[in-house]
Structure formats: structure tokens, C-alpha cells
Amino acid sequence: MRKAQAKKLPLAPDPKFNDKLVTRFVNNLMWEGKKSGAFTIFYDALDKVAKQTNEDGYEVWKKALSNVTPAVEVRSRRIGGATFQIPSEVRPDRKISLSIKWLIRYSRDRNGRSMADKLANEIVAASKGEGAAFKKKEDTHRMAEANKAFAHFRV
């Protein structure tokens, strides 16, 4: 990094829940700048979650996000010609980014008719501690646990 780090632009909270995290999620969900379409998909998904679980869709989504949020990850580092996977804590901002990206990525990989259906199913699964996004977090933690011996190389 040669220059000063770029300033983070403030996010506008979403219209329905007045939450900046929702806007951040929708920004990741959005394709080709179609934000209103992404909001429609997200709100439809939350409605479907509410129907499936008989709970508040927004609360289930928050629980799902917290369930797929990683605490540790492994980073590659070359030491003496060998590459080691070194476990390290995840920065708070990166934790949120990873959980959002994983939830959306594994929703897209699911079977279903619409993106709203797929997202709803992944949210419900993640809130129960199941699904591909939750498995990704578990795998990340397992990898860090397996490489704990190299923690003293931490950068």
C-alpha cells in the first residue's frame, strides 16, 4: 500500500428495516447495478423465510448471518521455501463480508426456481446450523484448528 487507504463511503440504511447491514447484503446480492431488483429478491426471500419458519424473517436472517460468520481463517505464508497455512483471527469488517459472500454464493449454487427461493432456503438452513454456507465456516475453522501448530509464525 503506497497511498493512504481509501475512505469508506457511508451506506444508506434500507427502507424497510432501517439497517445498514441489509444494504450491505443487498449490494453483494446485486448484479449489473440492479439494486431495486436485488432488494425485491431479498425482501421476497425474507417473506418466504417467515412463512417457512413462522418467525420474523429478518431475525432468522440475522441469526443465519451470525451462524456463518467465521472467527478464524488460514493465510498462506512462505517461510524458508515452504508455504504454511497460518491460522489468524478475522478482522470484524472481514467477518461480515465473508459471511455475506458465503451466504449469497451458496444460495446461488442451490437448486430452486428463483433466487428468492434459493436464498430463503439457504437462510433457513444456515439459521439451523446446516447448509453449504455453514459447512464452509466449519471447514474454515477445522483448517485453522489443524494448522494450529504454525500459529507462532503469525504475521
Protein backbone atom coordinates (compact mmCIF):
# COMPACT_ATOMS: atom_id res chain seq x y z
CA MET A 1 0.00 0.00 0.00
CA ARG A 2 1.67 3.14 -1.19
CA LYS A 3 -1.07 5.69 -0.73
CA ALA A 4 -3.46 6.38 2.13
CA GLN A 5 -6.28 3.88 2.43
CA ALA A 6 -9.47 4.91 0.65
CA LYS A 7 -12.28 6.33 2.79
CA LYS A 8 -15.27 4.04 3.26
CA LEU A 9 -18.41 5.57 1.81
CA PRO A 10 -21.27 5.67 4.32
CA LEU A 11 -24.06 3.22 3.49
CA ALA A 12 -27.67 4.33 3.49
CA PRO A 13 -29.88 2.11 5.66
CA ASP A 14 -32.51 0.09 3.79
CA PRO A 15 -36.09 1.44 3.63
CA LYS A 16 -37.88 -1.50 5.31
CA PHE A 17 -35.73 -2.41 8.33
CA ASN A 18 -33.62 0.77 8.53
CA ASP A 19 -30.50 -1.39 8.77
CA LYS A 20 -27.16 -0.72 7.08
CA LEU A 21 -26.28 -4.43 7.17
CA VAL A 22 -29.27 -5.16 4.92
CA THR A 23 -27.99 -2.59 2.40
CA ARG A 24 -24.56 -4.19 2.53
CA PHE A 25 -26.09 -7.62 1.91
CA VAL A 26 -28.19 -6.31 -0.99
CA ASN A 27 -25.13 -4.60 -2.52
CA ASN A 28 -23.40 -8.00 -2.59
CA LEU A 29 -26.53 -9.68 -3.98
CA MET A 30 -26.92 -7.09 -6.74
CA TRP A 31 -25.89 -7.85 -10.31
CA GLU A 32 -25.19 -5.25 -13.03
CA GLY A 33 -26.20 -2.34 -10.80
CA LYS A 34 -29.80 -3.54 -10.46
CA LYS A 35 -30.32 -2.58 -6.84
CA SER A 36 -34.13 -2.46 -6.83
CA GLY A 37 -34.17 -5.99 -8.27
CA ALA A 38 -31.79 -7.13 -5.54
CA PHE A 39 -33.98 -5.53 -2.85
CA THR A 40 -37.02 -7.32 -4.32
CA ILE A 41 -35.20 -10.67 -4.19
CA PHE A 42 -34.05 -10.05 -0.61
CA TYR A 43 -37.46 -8.97 0.73
CA ASP A 44 -39.20 -11.86 -1.09
CA ALA A 45 -36.69 -14.27 0.42
CA LEU A 46 -37.36 -12.90 3.93
CA ASP A 47 -41.13 -13.28 3.38
CA LYS A 48 -40.59 -16.90 2.33
CA VAL A 49 -38.38 -17.48 5.39
CA ALA A 50 -41.12 -16.05 7.63
CA LYS A 51 -43.69 -18.40 6.02
CA GLN A 52 -41.43 -21.46 6.39
CA THR A 53 -40.32 -20.87 9.97
CA ASN A 54 -43.31 -18.95 11.42
CA GLU A 55 -40.78 -16.49 12.86
CA ASP A 56 -39.68 -12.99 11.87
CA GLY A 57 -37.73 -13.38 8.60
CA TYR A 58 -35.38 -10.52 9.49
CA GLU A 59 -34.42 -12.13 12.82
CA VAL A 60 -33.88 -15.54 11.16
CA TRP A 61 -31.63 -13.83 8.55
CA LYS A 62 -29.58 -12.15 11.31
CA LYS A 63 -29.23 -15.49 13.10
CA ALA A 64 -28.17 -17.17 9.84
CA LEU A 65 -25.53 -14.47 9.24
CA SER A 66 -24.12 -14.86 12.76
CA ASN A 67 -24.05 -18.67 12.29
CA VAL A 68 -21.92 -18.44 9.13
CA THR A 69 -19.56 -15.74 10.49
CA PRO A 70 -16.03 -17.15 10.86
CA ALA A 71 -13.80 -16.34 13.84
CA VAL A 72 -10.52 -17.68 12.45
CA GLU A 73 -9.13 -18.35 8.99
CA VAL A 74 -5.88 -19.60 7.48
CA ARG A 75 -3.50 -17.43 5.50
CA SER A 76 -0.69 -18.70 3.29
CA ARG A 77 2.82 -17.55 4.18
CA ARG A 78 6.12 -18.60 2.63
CA ILE A 79 8.83 -19.39 5.14
CA GLY A 80 12.14 -20.86 4.03
CA GLY A 81 10.87 -22.21 0.72
CA ALA A 82 7.81 -23.89 2.24
CA THR A 83 4.29 -22.46 2.24
CA PHE A 84 2.48 -22.72 5.56
CA GLN A 85 -1.21 -22.25 6.27
CA ILE A 86 -1.13 -19.94 9.27
CA PRO A 87 -4.29 -19.55 11.36
CA SER A 88 -5.22 -15.94 12.18
CA GLU A 89 -8.12 -14.01 13.65
CA VAL A 90 -10.54 -12.47 11.16
CA ARG A 91 -10.97 -8.69 11.29
CA PRO A 92 -14.52 -7.61 12.30
CA ASP A 93 -15.24 -5.97 8.93
CA ARG A 94 -13.96 -9.00 7.03
CA LYS A 95 -16.06 -11.35 9.20
CA ILE A 96 -19.24 -9.67 7.97
CA SER A 97 -18.01 -9.56 4.37
CA LEU A 98 -17.16 -13.27 4.36
CA SER A 99 -20.46 -14.34 5.92
CA ILE A 100 -22.46 -12.25 3.41
CA LYS A 101 -20.46 -13.54 0.44
CA TRP A 102 -20.71 -17.17 1.53
CA LEU A 103 -24.46 -16.96 2.15
CA ILE A 104 -25.06 -15.45 -1.31
CA ARG A 105 -22.58 -17.71 -3.12
CA TYR A 106 -24.03 -20.92 -1.73
CA SER A 107 -27.57 -19.66 -2.31
CA ARG A 108 -26.75 -19.27 -6.00
CA ASP A 109 -25.42 -22.84 -6.10
CA ARG A 110 -28.64 -24.30 -4.64
CA ASN A 111 -31.47 -25.88 -6.61
CA GLY A 112 -34.65 -23.84 -6.85
CA ARG A 113 -36.82 -21.84 -9.17
CA SER A 114 -35.97 -18.26 -8.29
CA MET A 115 -33.07 -16.62 -6.47
CA ALA A 116 -35.52 -15.61 -3.72
CA ASP A 117 -36.39 -19.31 -3.17
CA LYS A 118 -32.74 -20.34 -3.12
CA LEU A 119 -31.75 -17.52 -0.77
CA ALA A 120 -34.68 -18.29 1.56
CA ASN A 121 -33.71 -21.98 1.73
CA GLU A 122 -30.06 -21.16 2.44
CA ILE A 123 -31.04 -18.64 5.16
CA VAL A 124 -33.29 -21.20 6.86
CA ALA A 125 -30.58 -23.87 6.64
CA ALA A 126 -27.87 -21.53 7.98
CA SER A 127 -30.07 -20.40 10.88
CA LYS A 128 -30.43 -24.07 11.89
CA GLY A 129 -26.66 -24.64 11.58
CA GLU A 130 -26.93 -26.57 8.31
CA GLY A 131 -26.36 -25.81 4.65
CA ALA A 132 -23.32 -25.16 2.47
CA ALA A 133 -22.50 -21.69 3.89
CA PHE A 134 -22.42 -23.07 7.45
CA LYS A 135 -20.29 -26.01 6.24
CA LYS A 136 -17.83 -23.52 4.71
CA LYS A 137 -17.44 -21.82 8.11
CA GLU A 138 -16.95 -25.19 9.82
CA ASP A 139 -14.33 -26.19 7.21
CA THR A 140 -12.51 -22.87 7.70
CA HIS A 141 -12.43 -23.41 11.47
CA ARG A 142 -11.32 -27.03 11.05
CA MET A 143 -8.49 -25.92 8.74
CA ALA A 144 -7.34 -23.35 11.32
CA GLU A 145 -7.52 -25.97 14.08
CA ALA A 146 -5.47 -28.44 12.02
CA ASN A 147 -2.76 -25.83 11.39
CA LYS A 148 -2.62 -24.53 14.97
CA ALA A 149 0.97 -25.76 15.21
CA PHE A 150 2.03 -22.95 12.83
CA ALA A 151 0.34 -20.19 14.83
CA HIS A 152 3.72 -18.96 16.10
CA PHE A 153 4.54 -17.82 12.52
CA ARG A 154 1.71 -15.31 12.77
CA VAL A 155 2.40 -12.09 10.89
